Protein backbone atom coordinates (compact mmCIF):
# COMPACT_ATOMS: atom_id res chain seq x y z
CA UNK A 1 -25.03 -22.90 1.75
CA UNK A 2 -22.78 -22.94 4.80
CA UNK A 3 -21.94 -24.40 8.05
CA UNK A 4 -21.33 -19.80 8.59
CA UNK A 5 -23.70 -18.43 6.82
CA UNK A 6 -25.60 -15.60 8.30
CA UNK A 7 -29.15 -16.80 7.74
CA UNK A 8 -30.84 -13.57 9.40
CA UNK A 9 -30.09 -11.50 6.93
CA UNK A 10 -30.87 -13.34 3.85
CA UNK A 11 -34.21 -14.33 5.49
CA UNK A 12 -35.58 -10.98 5.31
CA UNK A 13 -34.75 -10.46 2.25
CA UNK A 14 -37.13 -13.81 0.58
CA UNK A 15 -40.31 -12.84 1.65
CA UNK A 16 -41.23 -15.75 4.25
CA UNK A 17 -39.29 -18.73 1.94
CA UNK A 18 -38.90 -21.63 3.78
CA UNK A 19 -35.25 -22.71 5.80
CA UNK A 20 -33.92 -25.71 6.23
CA UNK A 21 -30.93 -26.94 8.21
CA UNK A 22 -29.46 -29.90 8.46
CA UNK A 23 -26.77 -30.11 11.16
CA UNK A 24 -24.56 -32.76 9.38
CA UNK A 25 -21.92 -34.99 12.02
CA UNK A 26 -18.76 -33.53 13.55
CA UNK A 27 -15.97 -35.34 15.72
CA UNK A 28 -15.17 -32.97 19.13
CA UNK A 29 -12.09 -30.30 18.09
CA UNK A 30 -9.41 -29.51 20.11
CA UNK A 31 -9.07 -25.82 19.93
CA UNK A 32 -5.26 -24.23 21.04
CA UNK A 33 -4.62 -20.70 20.46
CA UNK A 34 -0.25 -19.97 20.16
CA UNK A 35 0.49 -16.20 20.59
CA UNK A 36 3.21 -15.07 17.34
CA UNK A 37 5.52 -12.68 17.33
CA UNK A 38 4.62 -10.32 14.59
CA UNK A 39 7.94 -9.11 13.35
CA UNK A 40 7.83 -12.77 12.15
CA UNK A 41 7.26 -13.67 8.35
CA UNK A 42 3.96 -15.61 8.85
CA UNK A 43 6.09 -18.78 7.11
CA UNK A 44 8.50 -19.06 9.42
CA UNK A 45 5.77 -19.56 12.34
CA UNK A 46 3.40 -21.32 9.86
CA UNK A 47 6.18 -24.12 9.36
CA UNK A 48 7.92 -24.28 12.55
CA UNK A 49 3.89 -24.77 14.64
CA UNK A 50 3.97 -27.26 11.70
CA UNK A 51 6.83 -29.41 12.04
CA UNK A 52 6.31 -29.18 16.52
CA UNK A 53 2.44 -30.48 15.37
CA UNK A 54 3.51 -33.34 12.90
CA UNK A 55 6.21 -34.25 15.76
CA UNK A 56 3.90 -34.65 18.59
CA UNK A 57 0.42 -35.31 16.92
CA UNK A 58 -0.74 -38.18 13.92
CA UNK A 59 -2.53 -37.59 10.87
CA UNK A 60 -2.47 -35.57 7.75
CA UNK A 61 -1.86 -31.81 8.49
CA UNK A 62 -4.62 -28.51 7.11
CA UNK A 63 -2.12 -25.56 7.07
CA UNK A 64 -4.24 -21.57 6.26
CA UNK A 65 -2.13 -19.35 4.65
CA UNK A 66 -2.98 -15.58 3.28
CA UNK A 67 -2.27 -16.36 -0.29
CA UNK A 68 0.43 -17.99 -3.07
CA UNK A 69 3.37 -16.00 -2.39
CA UNK A 70 2.98 -17.46 1.76
CA UNK A 71 2.31 -20.49 0.69
CA UNK A 72 5.04 -21.46 -1.48
CA UNK A 73 7.53 -20.14 0.90
CA UNK A 74 6.13 -21.81 3.62
CA UNK A 75 6.61 -25.35 0.99
CA UNK A 76 9.80 -24.45 0.58
CA UNK A 77 11.02 -23.98 4.56
CA UNK A 78 9.64 -27.17 5.32
CA UNK A 79 11.27 -29.09 2.33
CA UNK A 80 13.78 -31.43 4.04
CA UNK A 81 12.67 -31.37 7.46
CA UNK A 82 10.40 -34.34 7.48
CA UNK A 83 11.26 -38.12 5.38
CA UNK A 84 9.96 -40.30 2.50
CA UNK A 85 6.64 -40.75 4.22
CA UNK A 86 4.94 -37.00 4.02
CA UNK A 87 4.14 -35.31 1.33
CA UNK A 88 3.53 -31.45 1.59
CA UNK A 89 0.79 -30.54 -0.74
CA UNK A 90 0.27 -26.75 -2.23
CA UNK A 91 -3.35 -25.71 -2.52
CA UNK A 92 -4.65 -22.46 -4.06
CA UNK A 93 -6.71 -20.90 -7.01
CA UNK A 94 -3.71 -20.61 -9.92
CA UNK A 95 -2.78 -23.99 -9.34
CA UNK A 96 -3.75 -27.07 -12.51
CA UNK A 97 -5.85 -29.32 -11.39
CA UNK A 98 -4.06 -32.43 -11.35
CA UNK A 99 -1.77 -30.40 -8.84
CA UNK A 100 -5.07 -29.41 -7.05
CA UNK A 101 -6.49 -33.23 -7.17
CA UNK A 102 -3.13 -34.43 -5.38
CA UNK A 103 -3.46 -31.56 -2.11
CA UNK A 104 -7.54 -33.04 -2.02
CA UNK A 105 -7.24 -36.38 -2.18
CA UNK A 106 -6.21 -39.31 0.69
CA UNK A 107 -2.66 -39.47 1.31
CA UNK A 108 -1.54 -42.89 0.43
CA UNK A 109 -1.32 -46.36 3.10
CA UNK A 110 1.87 -45.55 5.62
CA UNK A 111 2.14 -41.77 4.39
CA UNK A 112 0.46 -38.58 6.23
CA UNK A 113 0.36 -35.07 4.44
CA UNK A 114 0.87 -31.37 5.23
CA UNK A 115 -1.56 -29.61 2.67
CA UNK A 116 -0.48 -25.03 2.20
CA UNK A 117 -3.63 -23.97 1.22
CA UNK A 118 -5.97 -20.38 0.77
CA UNK A 119 -9.10 -19.94 1.95
CA UNK A 120 -9.80 -22.39 -0.95
CA UNK A 121 -10.18 -25.43 1.51
CA UNK A 122 -12.22 -23.84 4.10
CA UNK A 123 -15.56 -24.92 3.17
CA UNK A 124 -16.35 -28.02 1.10
CA UNK A 125 -13.43 -30.04 0.93
CA UNK A 126 -12.62 -32.52 2.95
CA UNK A 127 -9.49 -34.05 2.70
CA UNK A 128 -9.45 -37.72 4.74
CA UNK A 129 -6.94 -38.26 6.54
CA UNK A 130 -6.66 -34.52 8.26
CA UNK A 131 -6.35 -34.18 12.06
CA UNK A 132 -4.44 -31.18 12.54
CA UNK A 133 -5.51 -27.52 11.80
CA UNK A 134 -2.98 -24.68 12.15
CA UNK A 135 -4.27 -21.64 11.21
CA UNK A 136 -2.79 -18.23 10.38
CA UNK A 137 -5.44 -16.08 10.81
CA UNK A 138 -4.51 -14.53 7.60
CA UNK A 139 -6.74 -14.41 4.36
CA UNK A 140 -6.36 -12.17 1.34
CA UNK A 141 -9.34 -10.48 -0.04
CA UNK A 142 -9.61 -7.98 -3.30
CA UNK A 143 -10.20 -4.23 -2.65
CA UNK A 144 -11.59 -1.55 -5.25
CA UNK A 145 -9.62 1.68 -5.09
CA UNK A 146 -12.16 4.29 -7.08
CA UNK A 147 -9.65 6.84 -7.10
CA UNK A 148 -7.43 4.48 -8.99
CA UNK A 149 -10.11 2.60 -10.85
CA UNK A 150 -7.64 -0.52 -9.13
CA UNK A 151 -8.40 -4.05 -7.57
CA UNK A 152 -5.77 -4.24 -4.93
CA UNK A 153 -5.63 -8.07 -2.59
CA UNK A 154 -4.89 -6.74 0.96
CA UNK A 155 -4.16 -8.96 3.97
CA UNK A 156 -6.30 -9.46 6.95
CA UNK A 157 -7.54 -10.71 9.98
CA UNK A 158 -10.02 -13.88 8.85
CA UNK A 159 -13.81 -13.48 10.20
CA UNK A 160 -14.87 -15.78 13.32
CA UNK A 161 -17.15 -17.72 10.42
CA UNK A 162 -13.95 -18.09 8.64
CA UNK A 163 -11.39 -19.54 11.60
CA UNK A 164 -14.98 -21.77 12.52
CA UNK A 165 -14.52 -23.04 9.24
CA UNK A 166 -11.37 -23.87 8.91
CA UNK A 167 -10.94 -25.18 12.53
CA UNK A 168 -13.98 -27.80 11.86
CA UNK A 169 -11.84 -29.11 8.82
CA UNK A 170 -9.98 -30.86 11.50
CA UNK A 171 -13.39 -33.09 12.77
CA UNK A 172 -14.31 -34.34 9.73
CA UNK A 173 -13.27 -37.86 9.71
CA UNK A 174 -12.49 -37.92 13.01
CA UNK A 175 -11.43 -36.21 16.28
CA UNK A 176 -8.77 -33.41 16.25
CA UNK A 177 -6.77 -30.36 17.10
CA UNK A 178 -7.27 -26.90 15.60
CA UNK A 179 -4.25 -24.74 15.92
CA UNK A 180 -4.58 -21.35 15.99
CA UNK A 181 -2.32 -17.95 15.93
CA UNK A 182 -3.69 -15.49 18.18
CA UNK A 183 -4.61 -15.56 21.49
CA UNK A 184 -7.57 -16.61 22.40
CA UNK A 185 -8.53 -13.16 24.34
CA UNK A 186 -8.48 -12.15 20.48
CA UNK A 187 -11.34 -13.87 19.11
CA UNK A 188 -14.02 -11.21 19.90
CA UNK A 189 -12.08 -8.76 18.11
CA UNK A 190 -12.91 -10.33 14.35
CA UNK A 191 -15.33 -9.86 12.70
CA UNK A 192 -18.33 -11.90 12.64
CA UNK A 193 -17.98 -13.06 9.39
CA UNK A 194 -16.38 -11.86 6.18
CA UNK A 195 -17.95 -8.67 3.95
CA UNK A 196 -19.44 -10.25 0.85
CA UNK A 197 -17.12 -9.51 -1.98
CA UNK A 198 -19.79 -8.07 -4.15
CA UNK A 199 -19.37 -4.86 -1.12
CA UNK A 200 -15.26 -4.05 -2.38
CA UNK A 201 -15.64 -5.54 -5.83
CA UNK A 202 -15.65 -2.79 -8.94
CA UNK A 203 -19.48 -3.28 -10.27
CA UNK A 204 -18.80 -1.46 -13.62
CA UNK A 205 -18.26 -4.12 -15.38
CA UNK A 206 -22.38 -4.87 -14.34
CA UNK A 207 -23.56 -2.59 -14.80
CA UNK A 208 -22.32 -2.95 -18.57
CA UNK A 209 -23.53 -6.43 -18.83
CA UNK A 210 -27.16 -5.42 -17.35
CA UNK A 211 -27.19 -2.46 -19.58
CA UNK A 212 -26.52 -4.54 -22.30
CA UNK A 213 -29.51 -7.48 -21.31
CA UNK A 214 -32.19 -4.26 -20.90
C-alpha cells in the first residue's frame, strides 16, 4: 500500500492476514539540510534553492510546496531565470489532466524540467529525469472544526514518513539529491506518520450514507 505504511497498527486489525513485502529498487540519495529564515515567504526560499540547484547540479528538479498558492507564486519567481531548455511545470489537484500530464511526462531530449508539486507527487508517481528534490517541509491538511461545522485547510510540518517519501523521488531512476529546508536536528520533532484524514474529517455525510444503506 505504501513505502512508509505504519504496518504494525494495521496488522492488528487484519486477523492474521499475511503481509507481503516488496523491497523494490532504489538508488543512493544524498540528503542535505538547509536552515531557512521563517520570516521569509516559503516561495522565496524555494525559488532561491531551486535556482542554486539548477546552476550546480544536473537533472530535473521536483520541489514540494504546501499548496496551489505557493506553487503559483514560486513559478512566478522562477519565470525568466532559465533558458528555453528548462520547463517549469506546476502539479496540483485542480489542474486539468493535460496540465498534470505535462508535469509528469519526461522532459524532451536536451531539456530539463522543474516540477512544482503538492503532496500529490509523494507517492505513485515517478517522473523520469528527476534526481533533485527540494522539500519545503510543509503540507496542507484538512481539519474539521466541530464548533463551526467547517473544514479548513491548515499548513503543518510534514511527518518523517512523508519526508522519506519525498526524498525517495530523487532516487527512483538514478542517484539523486534531496534538499530539506530544515535542520537535521529537527527531524526528531516531526511526527512519525501523517495523521489519517479520517481522524480530522467531517463524517456526517458518511453517517448519513450508512444510514441510507441500512
